[in-house]
Amino acid sequence: YSLRTSYSIALVDDTDLEYYGTSTAEATLFNSKETGYFRKYSN
């Protein structure tokens, strides 16, 4: 995905930018039909 996309939202299959020190898929469950999260304002 684009740099803007990767820095703006976390997608389960985005393997090119870490999320909380690991991959996005490993960092969280992506359950309850949640298919993306905002990265903005998070640490």
ModelCIF file with pLDDT and N, C-alpha, C, O atoms, coordinates in Angstrom:
data_MODEL
#
_entry.id   MODEL 
#
_entity.id                         1 
_entity.type                       polymer 
_entity.pdbx_number_of_molecules   1 
#
_entity_poly.entity_id                      1 
_entity_poly.type                           'polypeptide(L)' 
_entity_poly.nstd_linkage                   no 
_entity_poly.nstd_monomer                   no 
_entity_poly.pdbx_seq_one_letter_code       YSLRTSYSIALVDDTDLEYYGTSTAEATLFNSKETGYFRKYSN 
_entity_poly.pdbx_seq_one_letter_code_can   YSLRTSYSIALVDDTDLEYYGTSTAEATLFNSKETGYFRKYSN 
_entity_poly.pdbx_strand_id                 A 
#
loop_
_entity_poly_seq.entity_id 
_entity_poly_seq.num 
_entity_poly_seq.mon_id 
_entity_poly_seq.hetero 
1 1  TYR n 
1 2  SER n 
1 3  LEU n 
1 4  ARG n 
1 5  THR n 
1 6  SER n 
1 7  TYR n 
1 8  SER n 
1 9  ILE n 
1 10 ALA n 
1 11 LEU n 
1 12 VAL n 
1 13 ASP n 
1 14 ASP n 
1 15 THR n 
1 16 ASP n 
1 17 LEU n 
1 18 GLU n 
1 19 TYR n 
1 20 TYR n 
1 21 GLY n 
1 22 THR n 
1 23 SER n 
1 24 THR n 
1 25 ALA n 
1 26 GLU n 
1 27 ALA n 
1 28 THR n 
1 29 LEU n 
1 30 PHE n 
1 31 ASN n 
1 32 SER n 
1 33 LYS n 
1 34 GLU n 
1 35 THR n 
1 36 GLY n 
1 37 TYR n 
1 38 PHE n 
1 39 ARG n 
1 40 LYS n 
1 41 TYR n 
1 42 SER n 
1 43 ASN n 
#
_struct_asym.id          A 
_struct_asym.entity_id   1 
#
loop_
_ma_qa_metric.id 
_ma_qa_metric.mode 
_ma_qa_metric.name 
_ma_qa_metric.software_group_id 
_ma_qa_metric.type 
1 global pLDDT . pLDDT 
2 local  pLDDT . pLDDT 
#
_ma_qa_metric_global.metric_id      1 
_ma_qa_metric_global.metric_value   96.53 
_ma_qa_metric_global.model_id       1 
_ma_qa_metric_global.ordinal_id     1 
#
loop_
_ma_qa_metric_local.label_asym_id 
_ma_qa_metric_local.label_comp_id 
_ma_qa_metric_local.label_seq_id 
_ma_qa_metric_local.metric_id 
_ma_qa_metric_local.metric_value 
_ma_qa_metric_local.model_id 
_ma_qa_metric_local.ordinal_id 
A TYR 1  2 98.00 1 1  
A SER 2  2 98.00 1 2  
A LEU 3  2 98.00 1 3  
A ARG 4  2 98.00 1 4  
A THR 5  2 98.00 1 5  
A SER 6  2 98.00 1 6  
A TYR 7  2 98.00 1 7  
A SER 8  2 98.00 1 8  
A ILE 9  2 98.00 1 9  
A ALA 10 2 98.00 1 10 
A LEU 11 2 98.00 1 11 
A VAL 12 2 98.00 1 12 
A ASP 13 2 98.00 1 13 
A ASP 14 2 98.00 1 14 
A THR 15 2 96.00 1 15 
A ASP 16 2 97.00 1 16 
A LEU 17 2 98.00 1 17 
A GLU 18 2 97.00 1 18 
A TYR 19 2 98.00 1 19 
A TYR 20 2 98.00 1 20 
A GLY 21 2 97.00 1 21 
A THR 22 2 97.00 1 22 
A SER 23 2 97.00 1 23 
A THR 24 2 98.00 1 24 
A ALA 25 2 98.00 1 25 
A GLU 26 2 97.00 1 26 
A ALA 27 2 97.00 1 27 
A THR 28 2 96.00 1 28 
A LEU 29 2 94.00 1 29 
A PHE 30 2 94.00 1 30 
A ASN 31 2 88.00 1 31 
A SER 32 2 88.00 1 32 
A LYS 33 2 92.00 1 33 
A GLU 34 2 95.00 1 34 
A THR 35 2 96.00 1 35 
A GLY 36 2 97.00 1 36 
A TYR 37 2 97.00 1 37 
A PHE 38 2 98.00 1 38 
A ARG 39 2 97.00 1 39 
A LYS 40 2 96.00 1 40 
A TYR 41 2 95.00 1 41 
A SER 42 2 96.00 1 42 
A ASN 43 2 95.00 1 43 
#
loop_
_atom_site.group_PDB 
_atom_site.id 
_atom_site.type_symbol 
_atom_site.label_atom_id 
_atom_site.label_alt_id 
_atom_site.label_comp_id 
_atom_site.label_asym_id 
_atom_site.label_entity_id 
_atom_site.label_seq_id 
_atom_site.pdbx_PDB_ins_code 
_atom_site.Cartn_x 
_atom_site.Cartn_y 
_atom_site.Cartn_z 
_atom_site.occupancy 
_atom_site.B_iso_or_equiv 
_atom_site.pdbx_formal_charge 
_atom_site.auth_seq_id 
_atom_site.auth_comp_id 
_atom_site.auth_asym_id 
_atom_site.auth_atom_id 
_atom_site.pdbx_PDB_model_num 
ATOM 1   N N  . TYR A 1 1  ? 0.841   -1.189  0.000  1.00 98.00 ? 1  TYR A N  1 
ATOM 2   C CA . TYR A 1 1  ? 0.000   0.000   0.000  1.00 98.00 ? 1  TYR A CA 1 
ATOM 3   C C  . TYR A 1 1  ? 0.883   1.248   0.000  1.00 98.00 ? 1  TYR A C  1 
ATOM 4   O O  . TYR A 1 1  ? 2.076   1.178   0.295  1.00 98.00 ? 1  TYR A O  1 
ATOM 5   N N  . SER A 1 2  ? 0.287   2.374   -0.330 1.00 98.00 ? 2  SER A N  1 
ATOM 6   C CA . SER A 1 2  ? 1.042   3.617   -0.393 1.00 98.00 ? 2  SER A CA 1 
ATOM 7   C C  . SER A 1 2  ? 1.541   4.039   0.979  1.00 98.00 ? 2  SER A C  1 
ATOM 8   O O  . SER A 1 2  ? 1.037   3.582   2.005  1.00 98.00 ? 2  SER A O  1 
ATOM 9   N N  . LEU A 1 3  ? 2.522   4.905   0.985  1.00 98.00 ? 3  LEU A N  1 
ATOM 10  C CA . LEU A 1 3  ? 3.045   5.440   2.239  1.00 98.00 ? 3  LEU A CA 1 
ATOM 11  C C  . LEU A 1 3  ? 1.956   6.186   3.004  1.00 98.00 ? 3  LEU A C  1 
ATOM 12  O O  . LEU A 1 3  ? 1.864   6.072   4.227  1.00 98.00 ? 3  LEU A O  1 
ATOM 13  N N  . ARG A 1 4  ? 1.141   6.941   2.295  1.00 98.00 ? 4  ARG A N  1 
ATOM 14  C CA . ARG A 1 4  ? 0.066   7.673   2.978  1.00 98.00 ? 4  ARG A CA 1 
ATOM 15  C C  . ARG A 1 4  ? -0.921  6.708   3.618  1.00 98.00 ? 4  ARG A C  1 
ATOM 16  O O  . ARG A 1 4  ? -1.388  6.932   4.734  1.00 98.00 ? 4  ARG A O  1 
ATOM 17  N N  . THR A 1 5  ? -1.231  5.642   2.906  1.00 98.00 ? 5  THR A N  1 
ATOM 18  C CA . THR A 1 5  ? -2.146  4.653   3.459  1.00 98.00 ? 5  THR A CA 1 
ATOM 19  C C  . THR A 1 5  ? -1.552  3.984   4.698  1.00 98.00 ? 5  THR A C  1 
ATOM 20  O O  . THR A 1 5  ? -2.217  3.868   5.727  1.00 98.00 ? 5  THR A O  1 
ATOM 21  N N  . SER A 1 6  ? -0.301  3.548   4.591  1.00 98.00 ? 6  SER A N  1 
ATOM 22  C CA . SER A 1 6  ? 0.329   2.831   5.707  1.00 98.00 ? 6  SER A CA 1 
ATOM 23  C C  . SER A 1 6  ? 0.437   3.695   6.950  1.00 98.00 ? 6  SER A C  1 
ATOM 24  O O  . SER A 1 6  ? 0.243   3.198   8.060  1.00 98.00 ? 6  SER A O  1 
ATOM 25  N N  . TYR A 1 7  ? 0.743   4.986   6.792  1.00 98.00 ? 7  TYR A N  1 
ATOM 26  C CA . TYR A 1 7  ? 0.880   5.860   7.956  1.00 98.00 ? 7  TYR A CA 1 
ATOM 27  C C  . TYR A 1 7  ? -0.469  6.365   8.477  1.00 98.00 ? 7  TYR A C  1 
ATOM 28  O O  . TYR A 1 7  ? -0.549  6.855   9.603  1.00 98.00 ? 7  TYR A O  1 
ATOM 29  N N  . SER A 1 8  ? -1.511  6.254   7.681  1.00 98.00 ? 8  SER A N  1 
ATOM 30  C CA . SER A 1 8  ? -2.818  6.757   8.096  1.00 98.00 ? 8  SER A CA 1 
ATOM 31  C C  . SER A 1 8  ? -3.661  5.690   8.776  1.00 98.00 ? 8  SER A C  1 
ATOM 32  O O  . SER A 1 8  ? -4.308  5.960   9.788  1.00 98.00 ? 8  SER A O  1 
ATOM 33  N N  . ILE A 1 9  ? -3.660  4.465   8.222  1.00 98.00 ? 9  ILE A N  1 
ATOM 34  C CA . ILE A 1 9  ? -4.482  3.403   8.797  1.00 98.00 ? 9  ILE A CA 1 
ATOM 35  C C  . ILE A 1 9  ? -3.682  2.107   8.874  1.00 98.00 ? 9  ILE A C  1 
ATOM 36  O O  . ILE A 1 9  ? -2.718  1.913   8.134  1.00 98.00 ? 9  ILE A O  1 
ATOM 37  N N  . ALA A 1 10 ? -4.097  1.228   9.779  1.00 98.00 ? 10 ALA A N  1 
ATOM 38  C CA . ALA A 1 10 ? -3.486  -0.093  9.929  1.00 98.00 ? 10 ALA A CA 1 
ATOM 39  C C  . ALA A 1 10 ? -4.376  -1.124  9.251  1.00 98.00 ? 10 ALA A C  1 
ATOM 40  O O  . ALA A 1 10 ? -5.546  -1.266  9.606  1.00 98.00 ? 10 ALA A O  1 
ATOM 41  N N  . LEU A 1 11 ? -3.825  -1.846  8.272  1.00 98.00 ? 11 LEU A N  1 
ATOM 42  C CA . LEU A 1 11 ? -4.537  -2.895  7.550  1.00 98.00 ? 11 LEU A CA 1 
ATOM 43  C C  . LEU A 1 11 ? -3.892  -4.237  7.857  1.00 98.00 ? 11 LEU A C  1 
ATOM 44  O O  . LEU A 1 11 ? -2.673  -4.319  8.012  1.00 98.00 ? 11 LEU A O  1 
ATOM 45  N N  . VAL A 1 12 ? -4.695  -5.283  7.944  1.00 98.00 ? 12 VAL A N  1 
ATOM 46  C CA . VAL A 1 12 ? -4.194  -6.581  8.384  1.00 98.00 ? 12 VAL A CA 1 
ATOM 47  C C  . VAL A 1 12 ? -3.133  -7.142  7.462  1.00 98.00 ? 12 VAL A C  1 
ATOM 48  O O  . VAL A 1 12 ? -2.235  -7.846  7.924  1.00 98.00 ? 12 VAL A O  1 
ATOM 49  N N  . ASP A 1 13 ? -3.208  -6.852  6.162  1.00 98.00 ? 13 ASP A N  1 
ATOM 50  C CA . ASP A 1 13 ? -2.263  -7.412  5.200  1.00 98.00 ? 13 ASP A CA 1 
ATOM 51  C C  . ASP A 1 13 ? -1.177  -6.420  4.777  1.00 98.00 ? 13 ASP A C  1 
ATOM 52  O O  . ASP A 1 13 ? -0.500  -6.631  3.771  1.00 98.00 ? 13 ASP A O  1 
ATOM 53  N N  . ASP A 1 14 ? -1.012  -5.347  5.538  1.00 98.00 ? 14 ASP A N  1 
ATOM 54  C CA . ASP A 1 14 ? 0.076   -4.396  5.278  1.00 98.00 ? 14 ASP A CA 1 
ATOM 55  C C  . ASP A 1 14 ? 1.316   -4.872  6.017  1.00 98.00 ? 14 ASP A C  1 
ATOM 56  O O  . ASP A 1 14 ? 1.438   -4.690  7.229  1.00 98.00 ? 14 ASP A O  1 
ATOM 57  N N  . THR A 1 15 ? 2.221   -5.475  5.289  1.00 96.00 ? 15 THR A N  1 
ATOM 58  C CA . THR A 1 15 ? 3.424   -6.053  5.894  1.00 96.00 ? 15 THR A CA 1 
ATOM 59  C C  . THR A 1 15 ? 4.621   -5.115  5.830  1.00 96.00 ? 15 THR A C  1 
ATOM 60  O O  . THR A 1 15 ? 5.730   -5.501  6.200  1.00 96.00 ? 15 THR A O  1 
ATOM 61  N N  . ASP A 1 16 ? 4.411   -3.892  5.368  1.00 97.00 ? 16 ASP A N  1 
ATOM 62  C CA . ASP A 1 16 ? 5.543   -3.007  5.096  1.00 97.00 ? 16 ASP A CA 1 
ATOM 63  C C  . ASP A 1 16 ? 5.786   -1.949  6.159  1.00 97.00 ? 16 ASP A C  1 
ATOM 64  O O  . ASP A 1 16 ? 6.764   -1.208  6.066  1.00 97.00 ? 16 ASP A O  1 
ATOM 65  N N  . LEU A 1 17 ? 4.933   -1.858  7.158  1.00 98.00 ? 17 LEU A N  1 
ATOM 66  C CA . LEU A 1 17 ? 5.143   -0.897  8.235  1.00 98.00 ? 17 LEU A CA 1 
ATOM 67  C C  . LEU A 1 17 ? 4.705   -1.545  9.538  1.00 98.00 ? 17 LEU A C  1 
ATOM 68  O O  . LEU A 1 17 ? 3.555   -1.961  9.680  1.00 98.00 ? 17 LEU A O  1 
ATOM 69  N N  . GLU A 1 18 ? 5.623   -1.626  10.482 1.00 97.00 ? 18 GLU A N  1 
ATOM 70  C CA . GLU A 1 18 ? 5.309   -2.277  11.753 1.00 97.00 ? 18 GLU A CA 1 
ATOM 71  C C  . GLU A 1 18 ? 4.184   -1.554  12.491 1.00 97.00 ? 18 GLU A C  1 
ATOM 72  O O  . GLU A 1 18 ? 3.903   -0.380  12.249 1.00 97.00 ? 18 GLU A O  1 
ATOM 73  N N  . TYR A 1 19 ? 3.560   -2.289  13.386 1.00 98.00 ? 19 TYR A N  1 
ATOM 74  C CA . TYR A 1 19 ? 2.465   -1.761  14.197 1.00 98.00 ? 19 TYR A CA 1 
ATOM 75  C C  . TYR A 1 19 ? 2.673   -2.261  15.616 1.00 98.00 ? 19 TYR A C  1 
ATOM 76  O O  . TYR A 1 19 ? 2.535   -3.455  15.881 1.00 98.00 ? 19 TYR A O  1 
ATOM 77  N N  . TYR A 1 20 ? 3.000   -1.362  16.522 1.00 98.00 ? 20 TYR A N  1 
ATOM 78  C CA . TYR A 1 20 ? 3.311   -1.722  17.906 1.00 98.00 ? 20 TYR A CA 1 
ATOM 79  C C  . TYR A 1 20 ? 4.416   -2.779  17.986 1.00 98.00 ? 20 TYR A C  1 
ATOM 80  O O  . TYR A 1 20 ? 4.326   -3.727  18.765 1.00 98.00 ? 20 TYR A O  1 
ATOM 81  N N  . GLY A 1 21 ? 5.458   -2.602  17.171 1.00 97.00 ? 21 GLY A N  1 
ATOM 82  C CA . GLY A 1 21 ? 6.643   -3.441  17.240 1.00 97.00 ? 21 GLY A CA 1 
ATOM 83  C C  . GLY A 1 21 ? 6.551   -4.767  16.534 1.00 97.00 ? 21 GLY A C  1 
ATOM 84  O O  . GLY A 1 21 ? 7.470   -5.580  16.637 1.00 97.00 ? 21 GLY A O  1 
ATOM 85  N N  . THR A 1 22 ? 5.466   -5.017  15.814 1.00 97.00 ? 22 THR A N  1 
ATOM 86  C CA . THR A 1 22 ? 5.316   -6.271  15.091 1.00 97.00 ? 22 THR A CA 1 
ATOM 87  C C  . THR A 1 22 ? 4.486   -6.012  13.841 1.00 97.00 ? 22 THR A C  1 
ATOM 88  O O  . THR A 1 22 ? 4.273   -4.856  13.475 1.00 97.00 ? 22 THR A O  1 
ATOM 89  N N  . SER A 1 23 ? 4.019   -7.053  13.187 1.00 97.00 ? 23 SER A N  1 
ATOM 90  C CA . SER A 1 23 ? 3.153   -6.863  12.028 1.00 97.00 ? 23 SER A CA 1 
ATOM 91  C C  . SER A 1 23 ? 1.759   -6.470  12.480 1.00 97.00 ? 23 SER A C  1 
ATOM 92  O O  . SER A 1 23 ? 1.376   -6.729  13.621 1.00 97.00 ? 23 SER A O  1 
ATOM 93  N N  . THR A 1 24 ? 1.000   -5.849  11.594 1.00 98.00 ? 24 THR A N  1 
ATOM 94  C CA . THR A 1 24 ? -0.366  -5.462  11.956 1.00 98.00 ? 24 THR A CA 1 
ATOM 95  C C  . THR A 1 24 ? -1.208  -6.690  12.281 1.00 98.00 ? 24 THR A C  1 
ATOM 96  O O  . THR A 1 24 ? -2.030  -6.655  13.197 1.00 98.00 ? 24 THR A O  1 
ATOM 97  N N  . ALA A 1 25 ? -1.005  -7.783  11.529 1.00 98.00 ? 25 ALA A N  1 
ATOM 98  C CA . ALA A 1 25 ? -1.798  -8.990  11.760 1.00 98.00 ? 25 ALA A CA 1 
ATOM 99  C C  . ALA A 1 25 ? -1.513  -9.604  13.118 1.00 98.00 ? 25 ALA A C  1 
ATOM 100 O O  . ALA A 1 25 ? -2.410  -10.165 13.748 1.00 98.00 ? 25 ALA A O  1 
ATOM 101 N N  . GLU A 1 26 ? -0.263  -9.502  13.578 1.00 97.00 ? 26 GLU A N  1 
ATOM 102 C CA . GLU A 1 26 ? 0.101   -10.082 14.860 1.00 97.00 ? 26 GLU A CA 1 
ATOM 103 C C  . GLU A 1 26 ? -0.212  -9.140  16.024 1.00 97.00 ? 26 GLU A C  1 
ATOM 104 O O  . GLU A 1 26 ? -0.395  -9.594  17.153 1.00 97.00 ? 26 GLU A O  1 
ATOM 105 N N  . ALA A 1 27 ? -0.274  -7.844  15.759 1.00 97.00 ? 27 ALA A N  1 
ATOM 106 C CA . ALA A 1 27 ? -0.470  -6.864  16.836 1.00 97.00 ? 27 ALA A CA 1 
ATOM 107 C C  . ALA A 1 27 ? -1.862  -6.924  17.426 1.00 97.00 ? 27 ALA A C  1 
ATOM 108 O O  . ALA A 1 27 ? -2.036  -6.671  18.618 1.00 97.00 ? 27 ALA A O  1 
ATOM 109 N N  . THR A 1 28 ? -2.868  -7.256  16.610 1.00 96.00 ? 28 THR A N  1 
ATOM 110 C CA . THR A 1 28 ? -4.245  -7.252  17.105 1.00 96.00 ? 28 THR A CA 1 
ATOM 111 C C  . THR A 1 28 ? -5.072  -8.258  16.320 1.00 96.00 ? 28 THR A C  1 
ATOM 112 O O  . THR A 1 28 ? -4.654  -8.723  15.259 1.00 96.00 ? 28 THR A O  1 
ATOM 113 N N  . LEU A 1 29 ? -6.241  -8.588  16.841 1.00 94.00 ? 29 LEU A N  1 
ATOM 114 C CA . LEU A 1 29 ? -7.025  -9.693  16.287 1.00 94.00 ? 29 LEU A CA 1 
ATOM 115 C C  . LEU A 1 29 ? -7.823  -9.337  15.035 1.00 94.00 ? 29 LEU A C  1 
ATOM 116 O O  . LEU A 1 29 ? -8.197  -10.224 14.267 1.00 94.00 ? 29 LEU A O  1 
ATOM 117 N N  . PHE A 1 30 ? -8.087  -8.042  14.821 1.00 94.00 ? 30 PHE A N  1 
ATOM 118 C CA . PHE A 1 30 ? -8.952  -7.647  13.704 1.00 94.00 ? 30 PHE A CA 1 
ATOM 119 C C  . PHE A 1 30 ? -10.266 -8.442  13.747 1.00 94.00 ? 30 PHE A C  1 
ATOM 120 O O  . PHE A 1 30 ? -10.704 -8.979  12.730 1.00 94.00 ? 30 PHE A O  1 
ATOM 121 N N  . ASN A 1 31 ? -10.884 -8.511  14.921 1.00 88.00 ? 31 ASN A N  1 
ATOM 122 C CA . ASN A 1 31 ? -12.124 -9.266  15.035 1.00 88.00 ? 31 ASN A CA 1 
ATOM 123 C C  . ASN A 1 31 ? -13.329 -8.348  14.906 1.00 88.00 ? 31 ASN A C  1 
ATOM 124 O O  . ASN A 1 31 ? -13.179 -7.147  14.682 1.00 88.00 ? 31 ASN A O  1 
ATOM 125 N N  . SER A 1 32 ? -14.514 -8.906  15.046 1.00 88.00 ? 32 SER A N  1 
ATOM 126 C CA . SER A 1 32 ? -15.778 -8.151  15.009 1.00 88.00 ? 32 SER A CA 1 
ATOM 127 C C  . SER A 1 32 ? -15.953 -7.372  13.708 1.00 88.00 ? 32 SER A C  1 
ATOM 128 O O  . SER A 1 32 ? -16.496 -6.267  13.701 1.00 88.00 ? 32 SER A O  1 
ATOM 129 N N  . LYS A 1 33 ? -15.486 -7.960  12.611 1.00 92.00 ? 33 LYS A N  1 
ATOM 130 C CA . LYS A 1 33 ? -15.607 -7.335  11.284 1.00 92.00 ? 33 LYS A CA 1 
ATOM 131 C C  . LYS A 1 33 ? -14.893 -5.990  11.225 1.00 92.00 ? 33 LYS A C  1 
ATOM 132 O O  . LYS A 1 33 ? -15.331 -5.080  10.522 1.00 92.00 ? 33 LYS A O  1 
ATOM 133 N N  . GLU A 1 34 ? -13.806 -5.869  11.954 1.00 95.00 ? 34 GLU A N  1 
ATOM 134 C CA . GLU A 1 34 ? -12.995 -4.653  11.943 1.00 95.00 ? 34 GLU A CA 1 
ATOM 135 C C  . GLU A 1 34 ? -11.876 -4.851  10.928 1.00 95.00 ? 34 GLU A C  1 
ATOM 136 O O  . GLU A 1 34 ? -11.014 -5.712  11.105 1.00 95.00 ? 34 GLU A O  1 
ATOM 137 N N  . THR A 1 35 ? -11.894 -4.065  9.883  1.00 96.00 ? 35 THR A N  1 
ATOM 138 C CA . THR A 1 35 ? -10.979 -4.275  8.760  1.00 96.00 ? 35 THR A CA 1 
ATOM 139 C C  . THR A 1 35 ? -9.939  -3.174  8.610  1.00 96.00 ? 35 THR A C  1 
ATOM 140 O O  . THR A 1 35 ? -9.203  -3.154  7.623  1.00 96.00 ? 35 THR A O  1 
ATOM 141 N N  . GLY A 1 36 ? -9.867  -2.275  9.555  1.00 97.00 ? 36 GLY A N  1 
ATOM 142 C CA . GLY A 1 36 ? -8.858  -1.219  9.518  1.00 97.00 ? 36 GLY A CA 1 
ATOM 143 C C  . GLY A 1 36 ? -8.986  -0.320  10.729 1.00 97.00 ? 36 GLY A C  1 
ATOM 144 O O  . GLY A 1 36 ? -10.075 -0.147  11.276 1.00 97.00 ? 36 GLY A O  1 
ATOM 145 N N  . TYR A 1 37 ? -7.861  0.254   11.146 1.00 97.00 ? 37 TYR A N  1 
ATOM 146 C CA . TYR A 1 37 ? -7.835  1.158   12.293 1.00 97.00 ? 37 TYR A CA 1 
ATOM 147 C C  . TYR A 1 37 ? -7.031  2.405   11.942 1.00 97.00 ? 37 TYR A C  1 
ATOM 148 O O  . TYR A 1 37 ? -6.094  2.345   11.145 1.00 97.00 ? 37 TYR A O  1 
ATOM 149 N N  . PHE A 1 38 ? -7.397  3.520   12.531 1.00 98.00 ? 38 PHE A N  1 
ATOM 150 C CA . PHE A 1 38 ? -6.593  4.731   12.361 1.00 98.00 ? 38 PHE A CA 1 
ATOM 151 C C  . PHE A 1 38 ? -5.281  4.588   13.127 1.00 98.00 ? 38 PHE A C  1 
ATOM 152 O O  . PHE A 1 38 ? -5.270  4.153   14.278 1.00 98.00 ? 38 PHE A O  1 
ATOM 153 N N  . ARG A 1 39 ? -4.185  4.956   12.484 1.00 97.00 ? 39 ARG A N  1 
ATOM 154 C CA . ARG A 1 39 ? -2.910  5.064   13.197 1.00 97.00 ? 39 ARG A CA 1 
ATOM 155 C C  . ARG A 1 39 ? -2.765  6.430   13.863 1.00 97.00 ? 39 ARG A C  1 
ATOM 156 O O  . ARG A 1 39 ? -2.112  6.546   14.900 1.00 97.00 ? 39 ARG A O  1 
ATOM 157 N N  . LYS A 1 40 ? -3.357  7.450   13.285 1.00 96.00 ? 40 LYS A N  1 
ATOM 158 C CA . LYS A 1 40 ? -3.225  8.797   13.816 1.00 96.00 ? 40 LYS A CA 1 
ATOM 159 C C  . LYS A 1 40 ? -3.623  8.832   15.291 1.00 96.00 ? 40 LYS A C  1 
ATOM 160 O O  . LYS A 1 40 ? -4.603  8.212   15.704 1.00 96.00 ? 40 LYS A O  1 
ATOM 161 N N  . TYR A 1 41 ? -2.846  9.563   16.061 1.00 95.00 ? 41 TYR A N  1 
ATOM 162 C CA . TYR A 1 41 ? -3.048  9.794   17.493 1.00 95.00 ? 41 TYR A CA 1 
ATOM 163 C C  . TYR A 1 41 ? -2.677  8.602   18.373 1.00 95.00 ? 41 TYR A C  1 
ATOM 164 O O  . TYR A 1 41 ? -2.696  8.723   19.598 1.00 95.00 ? 41 TYR A O  1 
ATOM 165 N N  . SER A 1 42 ? -2.341  7.458   17.785 1.00 96.00 ? 42 SER A N  1 
ATOM 166 C CA . SER A 1 42 ? -1.916  6.318   18.599 1.00 96.00 ? 42 SER A CA 1 
ATOM 167 C C  . SER A 1 42 ? -0.398  6.332   18.751 1.00 96.00 ? 42 SER A C  1 
ATOM 168 O O  . SER A 1 42 ? 0.308   7.037   18.031 1.00 96.00 ? 42 SER A O  1 
ATOM 169 N N  . ASN A 1 43 ? 0.088   5.536   19.705 1.00 95.00 ? 43 ASN A N  1 
ATOM 170 C CA . ASN A 1 43 ? 1.523   5.463   19.996 1.00 95.00 ? 43 ASN A CA 1 
ATOM 171 C C  . ASN A 1 43 ? 2.144   4.192   19.421 1.00 95.00 ? 43 ASN A C  1 
ATOM 172 O O  . ASN A 1 43 ? 3.345   3.968   19.573 1.00 95.00 ? 43 ASN A O  1 
#
